[in-house]
C-alpha atoms as a PDB file:
ATOM      1  CA  UNK A   1     -16.827 -16.594  11.617  1.00  0.00           C
ATOM      2  CA  UNK A   2     -13.124 -15.792  11.996  1.00  0.00           C
ATOM      3  CA  UNK A   3     -12.306 -12.245  13.018  1.00  0.00           C
ATOM      4  CA  UNK A   4      -8.525 -12.654  13.163  1.00  0.00           C
ATOM      5  CA  UNK A   5      -8.132 -12.583   9.378  1.00  0.00           C
ATOM      6  CA  UNK A   6      -6.827  -9.315   7.927  1.00  0.00           C
ATOM      7  CA  UNK A   7      -9.198  -7.196   5.911  1.00  0.00           C
ATOM      8  CA  UNK A   8      -8.097  -6.875   2.311  1.00  0.00           C
ATOM      9  CA  UNK A   9      -8.908  -3.748   0.325  1.00  0.00           C
ATOM     10  CA  UNK A  10      -8.498  -2.913  -3.379  1.00  0.00           C
ATOM     11  CA  UNK A  11      -5.783  -0.557  -4.593  1.00  0.00           C
ATOM     12  CA  UNK A  12      -7.957   2.544  -5.117  1.00  0.00           C
ATOM     13  CA  UNK A  13      -9.338   2.304  -1.581  1.00  0.00           C
ATOM     14  CA  UNK A  14      -5.841   1.667  -0.212  1.00  0.00           C
ATOM     15  CA  UNK A  15      -4.670   4.819  -1.974  1.00  0.00           C
ATOM     16  CA  UNK A  16      -7.538   6.825  -0.528  1.00  0.00           C
ATOM     17  CA  UNK A  17      -6.818   5.592   2.995  1.00  0.00           C
ATOM     18  CA  UNK A  18      -3.110   6.423   2.653  1.00  0.00           C
ATOM     19  CA  UNK A  19      -3.798   9.806   1.076  1.00  0.00           C
ATOM     20  CA  UNK A  20      -1.936   9.034  -2.137  1.00  0.00           C
ATOM     21  CA  UNK A  21      -2.905   8.571  -5.775  1.00  0.00           C
ATOM     22  CA  UNK A  22      -3.774   5.074  -7.040  1.00  0.00           C
ATOM     23  CA  UNK A  23      -0.750   5.373  -9.326  1.00  0.00           C
ATOM     24  CA  UNK A  24       1.418   5.640  -6.212  1.00  0.00           C
ATOM     25  CA  UNK A  25       0.118   2.299  -4.939  1.00  0.00           C
ATOM     26  CA  UNK A  26       0.922   0.750  -8.327  1.00  0.00           C
ATOM     27  CA  UNK A  27       4.409   2.304  -8.241  1.00  0.00           C
ATOM     28  CA  UNK A  28       5.084   0.952  -4.735  1.00  0.00           C
ATOM     29  CA  UNK A  29       4.133  -2.514  -6.000  1.00  0.00           C
ATOM     30  CA  UNK A  30       6.377  -2.093  -9.047  1.00  0.00           C
ATOM     31  CA  UNK A  31       9.298  -1.011  -6.834  1.00  0.00           C
ATOM     32  CA  UNK A  32       8.732  -3.889  -4.405  1.00  0.00           C
ATOM     33  CA  UNK A  33       7.770  -1.624  -1.504  1.00  0.00           C
ATOM     34  CA  UNK A  34       4.263  -3.104  -1.302  1.00  0.00           C
ATOM     35  CA  UNK A  35       3.041  -6.611  -2.045  1.00  0.00           C
ATOM     36  CA  UNK A  36      -0.514  -7.556  -2.868  1.00  0.00           C
ATOM     37  CA  UNK A  37      -2.006  -9.989  -0.358  1.00  0.00           C
ATOM     38  CA  UNK A  38      -4.563 -11.365  -2.797  1.00  0.00           C
ATOM     39  CA  UNK A  39      -6.509 -10.842  -5.987  1.00  0.00           C
ATOM     40  CA  UNK A  40     -10.111 -10.777  -7.104  1.00  0.00           C
ATOM     41  CA  UNK A  41     -10.178 -11.015 -10.865  1.00  0.00           C
ATOM     42  CA  UNK A  42      -7.542  -8.549 -12.028  1.00  0.00           C
ATOM     43  CA  UNK A  43      -7.821  -6.331  -8.938  1.00  0.00           C
ATOM     44  CA  UNK A  44      -5.015  -6.558  -6.420  1.00  0.00           C
ATOM     45  CA  UNK A  45      -5.957  -6.561  -2.749  1.00  0.00           C
ATOM     46  CA  UNK A  46      -3.803  -5.141   0.024  1.00  0.00           C
ATOM     47  CA  UNK A  47      -3.625  -5.308   3.813  1.00  0.00           C
ATOM     48  CA  UNK A  48      -4.146  -1.818   5.154  1.00  0.00           C
ATOM     49  CA  UNK A  49      -1.255  -2.211   7.609  1.00  0.00           C
ATOM     50  CA  UNK A  50       1.059  -3.047   4.672  1.00  0.00           C
ATOM     51  CA  UNK A  51      -0.098   0.070   2.829  1.00  0.00           C
ATOM     52  CA  UNK A  52       0.582   2.247   5.873  1.00  0.00           C
ATOM     53  CA  UNK A  53       4.016   0.647   6.317  1.00  0.00           C
ATOM     54  CA  UNK A  54       4.871   1.445   2.682  1.00  0.00           C
ATOM     55  CA  UNK A  55       3.620   4.995   3.190  1.00  0.00           C
ATOM     56  CA  UNK A  56       5.856   5.451   6.259  1.00  0.00           C
ATOM     57  CA  UNK A  57       8.856   4.033   4.378  1.00  0.00           C
ATOM     58  CA  UNK A  58       8.243   6.417   1.469  1.00  0.00           C
ATOM     59  CA  UNK A  59       7.981   9.364   3.857  1.00  0.00           C
ATOM     60  CA  UNK A  60      11.276   8.395   5.527  1.00  0.00           C
ATOM     61  CA  UNK A  61      12.983   8.111   2.135  1.00  0.00           C
ATOM     62  CA  UNK A  62      11.678  11.536   1.121  1.00  0.00           C
ATOM     63  CA  UNK A  63      12.954  13.050   4.370  1.00  0.00           C
ATOM     64  CA  UNK A  64      16.389  11.498   3.857  1.00  0.00           C
ATOM     65  CA  UNK A  65      16.590  12.905   0.311  1.00  0.00           C
ATOM     66  CA  UNK A  66      15.689  16.382   1.556  1.00  0.00           C
ATOM     67  CA  UNK A  67      18.397  16.281   4.241  1.00  0.00           C
ATOM     68  CA  UNK A  68      21.201  15.583   1.754  1.00  0.00           C
END
């Protein structure tokens, strides 16, 4: 069994782990800030590290807007 493969998680679980609403995950995908790494049926699957990277980028953008 390979252990070097990334674990893929569905959008609602990704949202829970990042502390955001599932709609936020969908919005990040729509805006191109997050890309699904796979699909099972209609459900998109994400790498957790990609979700956290998108979360950090969103936080930086929010901070920049507040400093203007």
